[in-house]
């Protein structure tokens, strides 16, 4: 029996013939067992086109009509991962606040979504609430994230982030010394040819480890802004797998989103969601 590849992508439009279930069709076309196809479906790696849009297909018994476009994006390594579990901080009905652990993506990819916060939240609420992403955290980071449960909530929360009406605090451990406790600094180096501003306050300096722990606040939202900014000034984030030299460790990246402060767009009360983080 031919061994199926561990990573591949398959796309097809169903031809006229005996009607088949999505699971049977993909198993017959890819050499994957029905069990592996069902597992890939459950974990968000199978897609079907409906009304011109690609959507995840999770129901193995779905009957395929002639002309239906279906895809599977199979990565055995990714599908075998056991995702770290997020924890619910607060349920505000319209939206919820979560602590995303390091190693969990904010949202899935074409190859699956079981290792994403959105999917884990969807399962937590037993599929009874829709989930919408309104902002992101790097996969390597941990900390607070908000998830909207309606299009209205997603729009209102996105507007808060867009208008910078939310205060985001990060706890970061960087290589080297940035001074004694209370020292403040601003990094305003452009990123990707766009303005970028990161402010920080020194919380402590560890002479033995040669590291500094700071509270960081971003005034802009560029890709990997905190990580890139501290690397650019010679103080990369400890444990960052991508940026910096001499800062690698086995303990993971020392960057945590510890606080979100904003006015609730529904109750109009000032809210703060925070976690105790000791990086």
Protein backbone atom coordinates (compact mmCIF):
# COMPACT_ATOMS: atom_id res chain seq x y z
CA UNK A 1 0.00 0.00 0.00
CA UNK A 2 1.35 3.41 -0.95
CA UNK A 3 2.32 5.52 2.02
CA UNK A 4 0.64 8.93 2.06
CA UNK A 5 2.95 11.97 2.21
CA UNK A 6 3.25 13.77 5.54
CA UNK A 7 2.62 17.21 4.05
CA UNK A 8 0.71 18.10 0.89
CA UNK A 9 -2.12 20.17 -0.56
CA UNK A 10 -4.92 18.72 -2.70
CA UNK A 11 -7.57 20.69 -4.59
CA UNK A 12 -10.36 19.33 -6.77
CA UNK A 13 -13.77 20.04 -8.20
CA UNK A 14 -16.13 17.07 -7.90
CA UNK A 15 -16.87 15.46 -11.25
CA UNK A 16 -20.19 13.97 -12.24
CA UNK A 17 -20.67 10.46 -10.90
CA UNK A 18 -21.91 8.58 -7.84
CA UNK A 19 -22.46 11.01 -4.97
CA UNK A 20 -19.85 10.68 -2.23
CA UNK A 21 -19.30 12.09 1.24
CA UNK A 22 -16.47 14.57 1.68
CA UNK A 23 -14.56 12.06 3.77
CA UNK A 24 -14.88 9.25 1.22
CA UNK A 25 -13.97 11.56 -1.67
CA UNK A 26 -10.79 12.87 -0.03
CA UNK A 27 -9.75 9.42 1.16
CA UNK A 28 -10.10 8.05 -2.38
CA UNK A 29 -8.14 10.92 -3.92
CA UNK A 30 -5.28 11.31 -1.43
CA UNK A 31 -4.46 7.81 -0.13
CA UNK A 32 -5.17 9.03 3.40
CA UNK A 33 -7.21 6.74 5.61
CA UNK A 34 -10.74 7.86 6.46
CA UNK A 35 -9.62 8.25 10.06
CA UNK A 36 -6.86 10.68 9.05
CA UNK A 37 -9.24 12.63 6.81
CA UNK A 38 -11.77 12.94 9.64
CA UNK A 39 -9.02 14.09 12.01
CA UNK A 40 -7.87 16.71 9.48
CA UNK A 41 -11.47 17.89 9.07
CA UNK A 42 -12.01 18.19 12.79
CA UNK A 43 -8.82 20.23 13.10
CA UNK A 44 -9.71 22.64 10.30
CA UNK A 45 -7.51 21.47 7.43
CA UNK A 46 -10.34 20.80 4.94
CA UNK A 47 -12.04 23.60 3.00
CA UNK A 48 -15.08 23.82 0.73
CA UNK A 49 -16.24 26.65 -1.50
CA UNK A 50 -19.73 27.96 -0.70
CA UNK A 51 -21.26 30.99 -2.38
CA UNK A 52 -17.86 31.86 -3.81
CA UNK A 53 -16.06 31.78 -0.45
CA UNK A 54 -13.77 29.16 1.04
CA UNK A 55 -14.99 27.82 4.40
CA UNK A 56 -13.67 25.15 6.73
CA UNK A 57 -15.53 21.85 6.41
CA UNK A 58 -15.68 19.75 9.57
CA UNK A 59 -18.60 17.39 8.86
CA UNK A 60 -17.24 14.19 7.33
CA UNK A 61 -20.67 13.01 6.11
CA UNK A 62 -21.30 16.11 4.00
CA UNK A 63 -22.51 14.96 0.57
CA UNK A 64 -20.62 16.59 -2.30
CA UNK A 65 -22.51 17.92 -5.28
CA UNK A 66 -21.13 17.85 -8.83
CA UNK A 67 -18.90 20.86 -9.36
CA UNK A 68 -18.21 21.44 -5.65
CA UNK A 69 -14.68 22.69 -5.01
CA UNK A 70 -12.95 21.04 -2.05
CA UNK A 71 -9.42 21.25 -0.65
CA UNK A 72 -7.29 19.58 1.99
CA UNK A 73 -4.11 21.16 3.34
CA UNK A 74 -2.43 18.31 5.16
CA UNK A 75 0.53 18.61 7.52
CA UNK A 76 0.90 15.53 9.69
CA UNK A 77 3.32 17.26 12.06
CA UNK A 78 0.99 20.20 12.67
CA UNK A 79 -2.10 18.01 13.05
CA UNK A 80 -0.32 15.85 15.64
CA UNK A 81 0.43 18.82 17.91
CA UNK A 82 -1.42 19.05 21.22
CA UNK A 83 -2.23 22.75 21.71
CA UNK A 84 -1.49 24.48 25.03
CA UNK A 85 -4.75 25.48 26.71
CA UNK A 86 -5.83 29.12 27.10
CA UNK A 87 -7.67 30.32 30.19
CA UNK A 88 -10.77 32.52 30.33
CA UNK A 89 -10.15 35.73 32.30
CA UNK A 90 -13.53 37.42 31.88
CA UNK A 91 -16.76 36.78 29.97
CA UNK A 92 -18.36 40.06 28.95
CA UNK A 93 -21.04 38.31 26.82
CA UNK A 94 -20.40 40.51 23.76
CA UNK A 95 -16.73 39.61 24.01
CA UNK A 96 -14.37 37.69 26.29
CA UNK A 97 -10.84 38.19 27.62
CA UNK A 98 -8.39 35.29 27.53
CA UNK A 99 -4.84 34.48 28.50
CA UNK A 100 -3.21 33.01 25.42
CA UNK A 101 -0.26 30.79 26.33
CA UNK A 102 2.98 30.78 24.41
CA UNK A 103 2.82 28.34 21.51
CA UNK A 104 -0.83 28.99 20.71
CA UNK A 105 -1.58 30.94 17.53
CA UNK A 106 -4.16 33.72 17.53
CA UNK A 107 -5.97 32.17 14.57
CA UNK A 108 -5.50 29.17 12.31
CA UNK A 109 -4.04 28.74 8.83
CA UNK A 110 -5.15 26.80 5.77
CA UNK A 111 -3.46 23.78 7.39
CA UNK A 112 -5.66 23.83 10.48
CA UNK A 113 -6.89 25.81 13.46
CA UNK A 114 -6.85 23.43 16.43
CA UNK A 115 -3.71 25.18 17.71
CA UNK A 116 -5.38 28.60 17.69
CA UNK A 117 -7.04 30.67 20.40
CA UNK A 118 -10.10 31.27 18.22
CA UNK A 119 -10.80 27.55 17.84
CA UNK A 120 -10.10 26.80 21.50
CA UNK A 121 -12.53 29.55 22.54
CA UNK A 122 -15.13 28.22 20.10
CA UNK A 123 -14.85 24.78 21.67
CA UNK A 124 -14.93 26.24 25.20
CA UNK A 125 -18.31 27.82 24.46
CA UNK A 126 -19.44 24.51 22.91
CA UNK A 127 -19.94 26.07 19.47
CA UNK A 128 -22.80 28.21 20.83
CA UNK A 129 -21.06 31.53 20.18
CA UNK A 130 -19.34 32.88 17.07
CA UNK A 131 -15.76 34.03 17.55
CA UNK A 132 -14.04 36.96 15.83
CA UNK A 133 -10.41 38.06 16.02
CA UNK A 134 -9.90 41.76 16.80
CA UNK A 135 -6.15 41.88 17.52
CA UNK A 136 -3.15 39.56 17.64
CA UNK A 137 -0.29 38.29 19.75
CA UNK A 138 2.73 36.52 18.31
CA UNK A 139 2.60 32.73 18.65
CA UNK A 140 5.72 32.87 20.84
CA UNK A 141 4.17 35.48 23.19
CA UNK A 142 1.65 34.88 25.92
CA UNK A 143 -0.81 37.23 27.56
CA UNK A 144 -4.21 38.84 27.31
CA UNK A 145 -6.31 38.80 24.16
CA UNK A 146 -9.89 39.84 23.46
CA UNK A 147 -12.26 37.76 21.33
CA UNK A 148 -15.52 39.22 19.99
CA UNK A 149 -18.73 37.16 19.86
CA UNK A 150 -20.65 39.14 17.24
CA UNK A 151 -19.86 41.21 14.18
CA UNK A 152 -21.04 44.30 16.07
CA UNK A 153 -18.65 43.62 18.95
CA UNK A 154 -15.81 42.89 16.53
CA UNK A 155 -16.39 46.21 14.77
CA UNK A 156 -16.57 48.21 18.00
CA UNK A 157 -13.49 46.61 19.53
CA UNK A 158 -11.53 46.93 16.29
CA UNK A 159 -12.39 50.64 16.27
CA UNK A 160 -10.98 51.02 19.77
CA UNK A 161 -7.71 49.43 18.68
CA UNK A 162 -7.62 51.45 15.45
CA UNK A 163 -8.12 54.74 17.31
CA UNK A 164 -5.53 53.71 19.93
CA UNK A 165 -8.12 54.12 22.69
CA UNK A 166 -6.72 51.11 24.51
CA UNK A 167 -3.65 50.94 26.75
CA UNK A 168 -1.63 47.77 26.23
CA UNK A 169 1.10 46.93 28.74
CA UNK A 170 3.72 44.26 28.14
CA UNK A 171 6.21 42.73 30.58
CA UNK A 172 9.49 42.06 28.81
CA UNK A 173 12.87 40.66 29.85
CA UNK A 174 15.71 41.84 27.61
CA UNK A 175 19.41 41.15 27.37
CA UNK A 176 21.78 43.61 29.05
CA UNK A 177 21.24 46.67 31.22
CA UNK A 178 18.81 49.48 30.47
CA UNK A 179 19.49 51.19 33.78
CA UNK A 180 18.13 51.06 37.29
CA UNK A 181 14.53 50.77 38.42
CA UNK A 182 12.37 53.68 37.28
CA UNK A 183 14.47 54.64 34.25
CA UNK A 184 12.23 55.50 31.29
CA UNK A 185 12.98 55.28 27.60
CA UNK A 186 11.45 55.67 24.15
CA UNK A 187 12.34 53.78 20.99
CA UNK A 188 11.07 55.61 17.93
CA UNK A 189 12.90 53.81 15.14
CA UNK A 190 10.78 53.27 11.99
CA UNK A 191 9.78 49.73 11.03
CA UNK A 192 8.97 48.73 7.46
CA UNK A 193 9.32 52.39 6.48
CA UNK A 194 6.55 53.36 8.89
CA UNK A 195 6.72 55.26 12.17
CA UNK A 196 6.89 53.06 15.26
CA UNK A 197 7.05 54.11 18.91
CA UNK A 198 7.73 51.89 21.93
CA UNK A 199 7.96 53.35 25.43
CA UNK A 200 9.34 51.46 28.42
CA UNK A 201 9.97 51.74 32.16
CA UNK A 202 12.68 49.69 33.87
CA UNK A 203 11.30 47.46 36.62
CA UNK A 204 14.48 45.65 37.64
CA UNK A 205 17.97 44.67 36.53
CA UNK A 206 19.53 41.29 37.24
CA UNK A 207 23.33 41.67 37.30
CA UNK A 208 23.97 37.91 37.48
CA UNK A 209 21.77 37.08 34.48
CA UNK A 210 22.68 40.33 32.70
CA UNK A 211 19.03 41.01 31.92
CA UNK A 212 16.58 43.86 32.47
CA UNK A 213 12.84 43.53 33.03
CA UNK A 214 10.71 46.39 31.72
CA UNK A 215 7.11 47.42 31.27
CA UNK A 216 6.63 48.29 27.61
CA UNK A 217 3.85 50.29 25.94
CA UNK A 218 3.43 50.47 22.18
CA UNK A 219 2.01 53.56 20.52
CA UNK A 220 1.88 51.84 17.13
CA UNK A 221 1.19 48.26 16.07
CA UNK A 222 3.91 47.16 13.67
CA UNK A 223 4.79 43.53 13.05
CA UNK A 224 6.88 42.16 15.97
CA UNK A 225 7.34 45.78 17.09
CA UNK A 226 8.58 45.19 20.63
CA UNK A 227 10.85 42.34 19.60
CA UNK A 228 12.38 44.25 16.69
CA UNK A 229 12.71 47.55 18.56
CA UNK A 230 14.63 46.11 21.52
CA UNK A 231 16.83 44.10 19.17
CA UNK A 232 17.57 47.27 17.19
CA UNK A 233 18.90 49.04 20.28
CA UNK A 234 21.06 46.05 21.25
CA UNK A 235 18.80 44.58 23.94
CA UNK A 236 16.89 41.69 22.33
CA UNK A 237 14.05 39.96 24.13
CA UNK A 238 15.25 36.92 26.05
CA UNK A 239 14.24 33.67 24.38
CA UNK A 240 13.24 35.32 21.10
CA UNK A 241 13.74 32.60 18.47
CA UNK A 242 13.96 35.05 15.56
CA UNK A 243 15.64 38.27 16.67
CA UNK A 244 18.87 38.91 18.52
CA UNK A 245 22.09 37.15 19.48
CA UNK A 246 23.10 35.82 22.88
CA UNK A 247 19.48 35.88 24.04
CA UNK A 248 18.39 32.33 23.30
CA UNK A 249 17.17 30.01 26.05
CA UNK A 250 15.07 26.91 26.63
CA UNK A 251 12.44 28.67 28.69
CA UNK A 252 10.59 30.40 25.85
CA UNK A 253 10.28 34.04 24.91
CA UNK A 254 10.05 36.45 27.83
CA UNK A 255 7.33 38.72 26.50
CA UNK A 256 3.86 38.82 28.05
CA UNK A 257 0.87 41.08 27.39
CA UNK A 258 -0.03 41.74 31.04
CA UNK A 259 -2.75 44.39 30.85
CA UNK A 260 -5.46 45.88 28.64
CA UNK A 261 -7.27 49.06 29.70
CA UNK A 262 -10.15 50.60 27.72
CA UNK A 263 -13.72 51.85 27.92
CA UNK A 264 -16.22 49.09 27.20
CA UNK A 265 -18.13 50.03 24.01
CA UNK A 266 -21.29 48.44 25.46
CA UNK A 267 -21.38 49.36 29.17
CA UNK A 268 -19.20 52.49 28.71
CA UNK A 269 -17.37 51.57 31.92
CA UNK A 270 -13.60 51.75 32.24
CA UNK A 271 -12.28 48.18 32.27
CA UNK A 272 -8.90 46.66 32.95
CA UNK A 273 -7.97 43.05 32.39
CA UNK A 274 -4.62 42.12 33.88
CA UNK A 275 -2.51 39.14 34.85
CA UNK A 276 0.40 38.77 37.24
CA UNK A 277 3.44 38.02 35.11
CA UNK A 278 6.92 37.36 36.36
CA UNK A 279 9.12 36.98 33.34
